[in-house]
Amino acid sequence: MITRKILTVRSIFAFAGHHLSWLTAWMLLVTAIYYFTGSKFITMPTLPLTLLGTAVAFYVGFKNNQSYDRLWEARKIWGSFINNSRVLGTMIKNLHSENAILSETSELRKQFVLRHIYYLYQLRNQLLQPTQWEHVSLGLRFGTFNQKRQDQIFAAFADDLKEVAEKNYISEKEKETLNKFANKATQLLDKQTQMVQQLFSDKQINMMQQLELQNAVNSFYQEQGKAERIKKFPLPRQYSSFSFLFVCIFVFLLPFGLVGPVSALGKEMVWMTVPAGVIVGWVYVVMEMIGDYSENPFEGLFNDIPMLNICRTIEIDLLQMIGEDNVPKPIDPKNNILM
């Protein structure tokens, strides 16, 4: 997640500045052909280009709205993880039957909380596994370019990630058991259900409290499923692909529609087609890129949901709730990026 209120010129160019080179080359090529040959056949009326540009803007806008919906839903899901984790933590700490002796189950309740923290970090790791339609999985230089972006972000948070990896919130034996399963996060929730049942069997909680605790655990099944739906079901490819195609068509035709009207202002003025075309074309390309990079909120790039920060926030709350002294520090932004 980008934390800076206003993007710097440097960050804007890092995101989309590389498109200015080919836009300039294309506008310059068409303008030079027209200037040196005077061929009228390469010009086109402005009305069709205007109509096309308007249609493309509407289509790209629709795609961007859908991409933002996916991004915002992902943020709401992780917001629910925060709220539900606090509820679960206070319930497992304080709910007990009339005849229960809390000292007898304090270790079990502590294990429950620590396993929940491990569950959140495990779910985060699973959501970061790349799918074939995400940017880091693309072929040729596009995938390499975004892989470098991801590596830079992960390198900035290397110390925080190392600290997380060194946490022993569950036993090594349990970790080995988890390695047998494809979806480790789901199995961790199943283990939590077993512990709720154990508390009930030991008469440490009554039936109503068991139901409340189990409902709290079930809420994580639901939110996890919502996050996995976003991760594993891309924005329909027809919307994504045709949006990119329409922008390419518009940018391709743009200099042919500009060169004629601009040259009417004077022969030398025809060169103004280049900066005008580059600016207009770049705006359309950036609009397309914004939607493209917003549709996958779990791919480990700068526009992601800050899952590491959210996991750490929950970790701090729960550790303090059970009276732990060794509490980690919050995750701070690095280079205006919050991971």
Protein backbone atom coordinates (compact mmCIF):
# COMPACT_ATOMS: atom_id res chain seq x y z
CA MET A 1 0.00 0.00 0.00
CA ILE A 2 1.31 3.43 -0.94
CA THR A 3 1.33 5.66 2.14
CA ARG A 4 2.43 8.97 0.65
CA LYS A 5 -0.47 11.41 0.26
CA ILE A 6 0.78 12.86 -3.03
CA LEU A 7 2.90 10.81 -5.39
CA THR A 8 6.26 12.29 -6.30
CA VAL A 9 7.28 12.85 -9.91
CA ARG A 10 9.92 10.17 -9.41
CA SER A 11 7.40 7.58 -8.25
CA ILE A 12 5.05 8.45 -11.11
CA PHE A 13 7.81 7.93 -13.64
CA ALA A 14 8.85 4.71 -11.90
CA PHE A 15 5.30 3.45 -12.36
CA ALA A 16 4.57 4.56 -15.92
CA GLY A 17 7.41 6.70 -17.19
CA HIS A 18 8.84 3.94 -19.37
CA HIS A 19 5.81 4.26 -21.69
CA LEU A 20 6.82 7.79 -22.66
CA SER A 21 9.69 6.51 -24.81
CA TRP A 22 7.63 4.42 -27.24
CA LEU A 23 4.81 6.98 -27.25
CA THR A 24 7.28 9.68 -28.24
CA ALA A 25 8.82 7.46 -30.91
CA TRP A 26 5.41 6.63 -32.43
CA MET A 27 4.16 10.23 -32.45
CA LEU A 28 7.48 11.42 -33.88
CA LEU A 29 7.43 8.81 -36.65
CA VAL A 30 3.93 9.69 -37.91
CA THR A 31 4.62 13.42 -37.62
CA ALA A 32 7.91 13.13 -39.52
CA ILE A 33 6.29 11.16 -42.34
CA TYR A 34 3.59 13.80 -42.70
CA TYR A 35 6.07 16.71 -42.49
CA PHE A 36 8.55 15.40 -45.06
CA THR A 37 6.11 13.81 -47.49
CA GLY A 38 3.03 15.98 -47.08
CA SER A 39 0.92 12.88 -47.64
CA LYS A 40 -2.70 13.53 -46.79
CA PHE A 41 -3.57 9.83 -46.81
CA ILE A 42 -2.13 9.34 -43.31
CA THR A 43 -4.53 11.84 -41.77
CA MET A 44 -7.98 10.92 -40.47
CA PRO A 45 -11.01 13.01 -39.42
CA THR A 46 -11.05 14.02 -35.77
CA LEU A 47 -14.70 13.07 -35.18
CA PRO A 48 -14.20 9.27 -35.34
CA LEU A 49 -11.13 9.60 -33.11
CA THR A 50 -13.10 11.69 -30.60
CA LEU A 51 -15.91 9.15 -30.50
CA LEU A 52 -13.41 6.31 -30.09
CA GLY A 53 -11.57 8.14 -27.32
CA THR A 54 -14.82 8.75 -25.44
CA ALA A 55 -15.88 5.12 -25.75
CA VAL A 56 -12.46 3.90 -24.60
CA ALA A 57 -12.53 6.26 -21.60
CA PHE A 58 -15.92 4.90 -20.51
CA TYR A 59 -14.76 1.30 -20.94
CA VAL A 60 -11.50 1.84 -19.05
CA GLY A 61 -13.44 3.68 -16.34
CA PHE A 62 -15.76 0.69 -15.94
CA LYS A 63 -12.80 -1.64 -15.63
CA ASN A 64 -11.16 0.62 -13.04
CA ASN A 65 -14.36 0.66 -10.98
CA GLN A 66 -14.46 -3.13 -10.94
CA SER A 67 -10.77 -3.31 -10.05
CA TYR A 68 -11.25 -0.89 -7.18
CA ASP A 69 -14.19 -2.96 -5.92
CA ARG A 70 -11.90 -6.00 -5.72
CA LEU A 71 -9.24 -3.96 -3.90
CA TRP A 72 -11.71 -2.44 -1.44
CA GLU A 73 -13.40 -5.78 -0.75
CA ALA A 74 -10.00 -7.27 0.04
CA ARG A 75 -9.34 -4.45 2.50
CA LYS A 76 -12.73 -5.00 4.16
CA ILE A 77 -11.95 -8.70 4.52
CA TRP A 78 -8.71 -7.96 6.34
CA GLY A 79 -10.49 -5.34 8.41
CA SER A 80 -12.83 -8.12 9.51
CA PHE A 81 -9.81 -10.22 10.44
CA ILE A 82 -8.76 -7.46 12.85
CA ASN A 83 -12.18 -7.13 14.47
CA ASN A 84 -12.90 -10.86 14.64
CA SER A 85 -9.44 -11.60 16.05
CA ARG A 86 -9.94 -9.19 18.91
CA VAL A 87 -13.32 -10.72 19.65
CA LEU A 88 -11.87 -14.23 19.53
CA GLY A 89 -8.97 -13.24 21.77
CA THR A 90 -11.09 -11.74 24.52
CA MET A 91 -13.54 -14.65 24.37
CA ILE A 92 -10.93 -17.38 24.66
CA LYS A 93 -9.32 -15.47 27.52
CA ASN A 94 -12.39 -14.68 29.61
CA LEU A 95 -15.19 -17.14 28.85
CA HIS A 96 -15.41 -19.95 31.36
CA SER A 97 -18.06 -22.03 33.08
CA GLU A 98 -19.09 -21.46 36.69
CA ASN A 99 -16.95 -24.26 38.08
CA ALA A 100 -13.97 -23.78 35.76
CA ILE A 101 -10.49 -23.22 37.10
CA LEU A 102 -8.76 -20.87 34.67
CA SER A 103 -5.29 -21.77 35.88
CA GLU A 104 -5.82 -25.33 34.62
CA THR A 105 -6.48 -24.17 31.05
CA SER A 106 -4.34 -21.06 30.88
CA GLU A 107 -1.71 -22.83 28.78
CA LEU A 108 -4.32 -24.24 26.43
CA ARG A 109 -5.92 -20.83 25.99
CA LYS A 110 -2.51 -19.29 25.36
CA GLN A 111 -1.77 -21.92 22.69
CA PHE A 112 -5.09 -21.08 21.08
CA VAL A 113 -4.16 -17.39 20.79
CA LEU A 114 -0.63 -18.10 19.53
CA ARG A 115 -1.94 -20.54 16.93
CA HIS A 116 -4.36 -17.88 15.72
CA ILE A 117 -1.48 -15.45 15.17
CA TYR A 118 0.37 -18.15 13.24
CA TYR A 119 -2.79 -18.79 11.21
CA LEU A 120 -2.94 -15.16 10.06
CA TYR A 121 0.68 -15.14 8.91
CA GLN A 122 0.15 -18.50 7.19
CA LEU A 123 -2.90 -17.19 5.36
CA ARG A 124 -0.93 -14.16 4.24
CA ASN A 125 1.78 -16.42 2.80
CA GLN A 126 -0.82 -18.47 0.93
CA LEU A 127 -2.43 -15.39 -0.57
CA LEU A 128 0.95 -14.19 -1.83
CA GLN A 129 1.51 -17.32 -3.92
CA PRO A 130 1.48 -16.03 -7.53
CA THR A 131 -1.20 -17.03 -10.00
CA GLN A 132 -0.64 -17.20 -13.75
CA TRP A 133 -2.52 -13.96 -14.48
CA GLU A 134 -0.64 -11.79 -11.97
CA HIS A 135 2.10 -9.41 -13.06
CA VAL A 136 4.99 -11.33 -11.52
CA SER A 137 3.98 -14.38 -13.58
CA LEU A 138 3.97 -12.64 -16.96
CA GLY A 139 6.41 -13.64 -19.63
CA LEU A 140 9.39 -11.83 -21.13
CA ARG A 141 10.46 -8.49 -19.65
CA PHE A 142 7.07 -7.66 -18.12
CA GLY A 143 7.27 -10.45 -15.55
CA THR A 144 10.95 -9.75 -14.89
CA PHE A 145 10.23 -6.05 -14.39
CA ASN A 146 7.50 -6.71 -11.82
CA GLN A 147 9.50 -9.46 -10.13
CA LYS A 148 12.23 -6.87 -9.52
CA ARG A 149 9.62 -4.51 -8.09
CA GLN A 150 8.41 -7.21 -5.74
CA ASP A 151 11.96 -8.13 -4.71
CA GLN A 152 12.68 -4.49 -3.85
CA ILE A 153 9.60 -4.30 -1.61
CA PHE A 154 10.42 -7.58 0.15
CA ALA A 155 14.04 -6.51 0.60
CA ALA A 156 12.94 -3.30 2.33
CA PHE A 157 10.96 -5.37 4.86
CA ALA A 158 13.58 -8.13 5.17
CA ASP A 159 14.11 -7.58 8.90
CA ASP A 160 10.39 -7.67 9.67
CA LEU A 161 9.89 -10.81 7.58
CA LYS A 162 12.85 -12.48 9.28
CA GLU A 163 11.39 -11.65 12.68
CA VAL A 164 8.06 -13.23 11.68
CA ALA A 165 9.78 -16.37 10.38
CA GLU A 166 11.63 -16.84 13.67
CA LYS A 167 8.45 -16.81 15.79
CA ASN A 168 7.63 -20.19 17.33
CA TYR A 169 3.91 -19.82 17.79
CA ILE A 170 3.26 -23.52 17.17
CA SER A 171 5.41 -26.57 17.79
CA GLU A 172 7.75 -28.07 15.21
CA LYS A 173 5.69 -31.25 15.30
CA GLU A 174 2.56 -29.33 14.34
CA LYS A 175 4.45 -27.58 11.55
CA GLU A 176 5.53 -30.95 10.16
CA THR A 177 1.95 -32.17 10.28
CA LEU A 178 0.77 -29.07 8.41
CA ASN A 179 3.20 -29.76 5.58
CA LYS A 180 1.00 -32.68 4.53
CA PHE A 181 -1.86 -30.36 3.61
CA ALA A 182 -2.35 -28.10 0.60
CA ASN A 183 -4.31 -25.48 2.56
CA LYS A 184 -2.48 -25.11 5.86
CA ALA A 185 -4.59 -22.17 7.04
CA THR A 186 -7.76 -24.26 6.89
CA GLN A 187 -6.14 -27.03 8.92
CA LEU A 188 -5.11 -24.52 11.58
CA LEU A 189 -8.73 -23.43 11.95
CA ASP A 190 -9.72 -27.08 12.24
CA LYS A 191 -7.22 -27.42 15.10
CA GLN A 192 -8.79 -24.39 16.78
CA THR A 193 -12.19 -26.09 16.61
CA GLN A 194 -10.69 -29.16 18.28
CA MET A 195 -9.39 -26.98 21.09
CA VAL A 196 -12.80 -25.36 21.58
CA GLN A 197 -14.31 -28.83 21.85
CA GLN A 198 -11.62 -29.82 24.33
CA LEU A 199 -12.46 -26.85 26.56
CA PHE A 200 -16.10 -27.89 26.46
CA SER A 201 -15.32 -31.56 27.14
CA ASP A 202 -13.21 -30.54 30.15
CA LYS A 203 -16.18 -28.45 31.39
CA GLN A 204 -14.12 -25.29 31.23
CA ILE A 205 -16.79 -23.59 29.10
CA ASN A 206 -20.52 -24.21 28.89
CA MET A 207 -22.54 -25.02 25.79
CA MET A 208 -23.50 -21.42 25.03
CA GLN A 209 -19.87 -20.32 25.30
CA GLN A 210 -18.80 -23.17 23.06
CA LEU A 211 -21.27 -22.03 20.41
CA GLU A 212 -20.05 -18.44 20.65
CA LEU A 213 -16.41 -19.48 20.38
CA GLN A 214 -17.12 -21.77 17.46
CA ASN A 215 -19.02 -19.00 15.67
CA ALA A 216 -15.98 -16.77 16.14
CA VAL A 217 -13.75 -19.45 14.60
CA ASN A 218 -16.23 -19.99 11.77
CA SER A 219 -16.07 -16.28 10.88
CA PHE A 220 -12.46 -16.84 9.80
CA TYR A 221 -13.50 -19.67 7.49
CA GLN A 222 -15.90 -17.23 5.84
CA GLU A 223 -13.45 -14.35 5.50
CA GLN A 224 -10.68 -16.67 4.32
CA GLY A 225 -13.01 -18.01 1.63
CA LYS A 226 -13.77 -14.47 0.46
CA ALA A 227 -10.06 -13.65 0.23
CA GLU A 228 -9.37 -16.88 -1.68
CA ARG A 229 -12.18 -16.05 -4.09
CA ILE A 230 -10.51 -12.75 -5.00
CA LYS A 231 -7.11 -14.43 -5.25
CA LYS A 232 -8.18 -17.38 -7.37
CA PHE A 233 -10.79 -15.74 -9.59
CA PRO A 234 -9.36 -12.94 -11.74
CA LEU A 235 -11.19 -9.98 -13.16
CA PRO A 236 -12.86 -11.56 -16.23
CA ARG A 237 -10.29 -11.62 -18.98
CA GLN A 238 -12.65 -10.15 -21.58
CA TYR A 239 -12.85 -6.92 -19.56
CA SER A 240 -9.13 -6.79 -18.89
CA SER A 241 -7.95 -7.83 -22.36
CA PHE A 242 -10.31 -5.72 -24.44
CA SER A 243 -9.66 -2.67 -22.29
CA PHE A 244 -5.96 -3.01 -23.10
CA LEU A 245 -6.72 -3.64 -26.79
CA PHE A 246 -9.00 -0.60 -27.11
CA VAL A 247 -6.37 1.66 -25.52
CA CYS A 248 -3.78 0.32 -27.96
CA ILE A 249 -6.07 1.02 -30.94
CA PHE A 250 -6.78 4.54 -29.73
CA VAL A 251 -3.10 5.34 -29.13
CA PHE A 252 -2.22 3.88 -32.55
CA LEU A 253 -4.73 6.14 -34.34
CA LEU A 254 -4.07 9.20 -32.18
CA PRO A 255 -1.27 10.83 -34.25
CA PHE A 256 -3.22 10.30 -37.49
CA GLY A 257 -6.12 12.28 -36.03
CA LEU A 258 -3.94 15.05 -34.59
CA VAL A 259 -1.45 15.69 -37.35
CA GLY A 260 -3.95 17.20 -39.81
CA PRO A 261 -5.67 19.75 -37.52
CA VAL A 262 -2.37 20.78 -35.91
CA SER A 263 -0.67 21.30 -39.29
CA ALA A 264 -3.49 23.68 -40.25
CA LEU A 265 -1.99 26.14 -37.76
CA GLY A 266 1.22 26.28 -39.81
CA LYS A 267 3.70 23.91 -41.36
CA GLU A 268 6.18 24.10 -38.50
CA MET A 269 3.41 23.76 -35.92
CA VAL A 270 2.91 20.18 -37.06
CA TRP A 271 5.64 19.17 -34.59
CA MET A 272 3.29 20.08 -31.75
CA THR A 273 1.57 16.80 -32.61
CA VAL A 274 4.36 15.02 -30.78
CA PRO A 275 3.95 16.50 -27.25
CA ALA A 276 0.15 16.68 -27.61
CA GLY A 277 -0.08 13.05 -28.71
CA VAL A 278 2.35 11.86 -26.04
CA ILE A 279 0.38 13.58 -23.25
CA VAL A 280 -3.03 12.32 -24.40
CA GLY A 281 -1.75 8.82 -25.13
CA TRP A 282 0.10 8.62 -21.80
CA VAL A 283 -3.05 9.58 -19.87
CA TYR A 284 -4.96 6.71 -21.48
CA VAL A 285 -2.12 4.26 -20.87
CA VAL A 286 -1.87 5.27 -17.20
CA MET A 287 -5.64 4.89 -16.74
CA GLU A 288 -5.36 1.38 -18.12
CA MET A 289 -2.39 0.58 -15.86
CA ILE A 290 -4.14 1.82 -12.72
CA GLY A 291 -7.00 -0.62 -13.22
CA ASP A 292 -4.63 -3.40 -14.25
CA TYR A 293 -2.51 -3.11 -11.10
CA SER A 294 -5.54 -2.72 -8.80
CA GLU A 295 -7.38 -5.89 -9.79
CA ASN A 296 -5.02 -8.23 -7.89
CA PRO A 297 -4.68 -7.02 -4.27
CA PHE A 298 -2.66 -10.04 -3.09
CA GLU A 299 0.34 -10.18 -5.44
CA GLY A 300 3.07 -8.58 -3.33
CA LEU A 301 3.36 -5.27 -5.19
CA PHE A 302 3.04 -1.64 -4.09
CA ASN A 303 -0.76 -1.49 -4.48
CA ASP A 304 -1.42 -4.53 -2.26
CA ILE A 305 -3.42 -4.78 0.92
CA PRO A 306 -0.88 -4.27 3.77
CA MET A 307 -1.34 -7.78 5.15
CA LEU A 308 1.95 -7.84 7.05
CA ASN A 309 1.03 -4.64 8.87
CA ILE A 310 -2.46 -5.96 9.67
CA CYS A 311 -1.09 -9.28 10.94
CA ARG A 312 1.36 -7.42 13.18
CA THR A 313 -1.43 -5.18 14.52
CA ILE A 314 -3.46 -8.25 15.49
CA GLU A 315 -0.36 -9.94 16.89
CA ILE A 316 0.35 -7.00 19.20
CA ASP A 317 -3.24 -6.81 20.41
CA LEU A 318 -3.51 -10.52 21.17
CA LEU A 319 -0.11 -10.82 22.85
CA GLN A 320 -0.89 -7.91 25.12
CA MET A 321 -4.31 -9.42 25.82
CA ILE A 322 -2.75 -12.61 27.21
CA GLY A 323 -0.14 -10.70 29.18
CA GLU A 324 2.96 -11.33 27.06
CA ASP A 325 5.92 -9.01 27.71
CA ASN A 326 7.88 -9.66 24.51
CA VAL A 327 5.63 -7.76 22.11
CA PRO A 328 6.98 -6.81 18.64
CA LYS A 329 6.87 -3.30 17.26
CA PRO A 330 4.34 -2.23 14.60
CA ILE A 331 5.31 -2.50 10.95
CA ASP A 332 6.28 0.94 9.65
CA PRO A 333 6.26 2.06 6.00
CA LYS A 334 9.48 1.70 4.05
CA ASN A 335 10.09 3.98 1.08
CA ASN A 336 6.45 5.15 1.37
CA ILE A 337 5.22 1.55 1.00
CA LEU A 338 3.38 -0.33 3.74
CA MET A 339 3.53 -4.08 3.31
